[in-house]
């Protein structure tokens, strides 16, 4: 998911440089959403791993 966020960020930067402001705005919004979803899932994963412990 982090890969998709970075891809949309690159698309937004390229579109911004080329002057496609509506595409750049939409791409940066999608990149932000995907990045925050990634962060939430990452934190949930860390908490679940900490709660579960390292039981073998």
Protein backbone atom coordinates (compact mmCIF):
# COMPACT_ATOMS: atom_id res chain seq x y z
CA UNK A 1 0.00 0.00 0.00
CA UNK A 2 2.91 2.30 0.66
CA UNK A 3 4.05 1.63 -2.89
CA UNK A 4 0.73 2.89 -4.26
CA UNK A 5 0.95 6.02 -2.15
CA UNK A 6 4.42 6.72 -3.52
CA UNK A 7 3.25 6.05 -7.09
CA UNK A 8 0.39 8.52 -6.74
CA UNK A 9 2.79 11.03 -5.19
CA UNK A 10 5.11 10.74 -8.19
CA UNK A 11 2.15 11.07 -10.58
CA UNK A 12 1.05 14.18 -8.72
CA UNK A 13 4.51 15.72 -8.89
CA UNK A 14 4.88 15.01 -12.61
CA UNK A 15 1.38 16.31 -13.34
CA UNK A 16 2.10 19.42 -11.31
CA UNK A 17 5.29 20.11 -13.22
CA UNK A 18 3.47 19.65 -16.54
CA UNK A 19 0.66 21.98 -15.49
CA UNK A 20 -2.17 19.48 -15.04
CA UNK A 21 -3.34 20.92 -11.74
CA UNK A 22 -6.60 18.97 -11.44
CA UNK A 23 -4.83 15.66 -12.00
CA UNK A 24 -2.07 16.66 -9.60
CA UNK A 25 -4.60 17.62 -6.92
CA UNK A 26 -6.51 14.37 -7.28
CA UNK A 27 -3.33 12.30 -7.23
CA UNK A 28 -1.97 14.00 -4.14
CA UNK A 29 -5.29 13.46 -2.33
CA UNK A 30 -5.21 9.76 -3.19
CA UNK A 31 -1.57 9.52 -2.08
CA UNK A 32 -2.43 11.15 1.27
CA UNK A 33 -5.36 8.79 1.87
CA UNK A 34 -3.32 5.70 1.00
CA UNK A 35 -0.43 6.86 3.18
CA UNK A 36 -2.66 7.37 6.22
CA UNK A 37 -4.38 4.02 5.67
CA UNK A 38 -0.92 2.44 5.52
CA UNK A 39 0.07 4.15 8.77
CA UNK A 40 -3.08 3.00 10.55
CA UNK A 41 -2.62 -0.60 9.38
CA UNK A 42 1.06 -0.48 10.38
CA UNK A 43 0.24 0.74 13.90
CA UNK A 44 -2.51 -1.87 14.28
CA UNK A 45 -0.05 -4.53 13.16
CA UNK A 46 2.54 -3.36 15.69
CA UNK A 47 0.00 -3.35 18.51
CA UNK A 48 -1.33 -6.79 17.58
CA UNK A 49 2.20 -8.16 17.48
CA UNK A 50 3.02 -6.63 20.86
CA UNK A 51 -0.14 -8.02 22.44
CA UNK A 52 0.39 -11.46 20.97
CA UNK A 53 3.99 -11.55 22.13
CA UNK A 54 6.81 -13.70 20.92
CA UNK A 55 5.36 -16.99 22.12
CA UNK A 56 6.94 -19.89 20.29
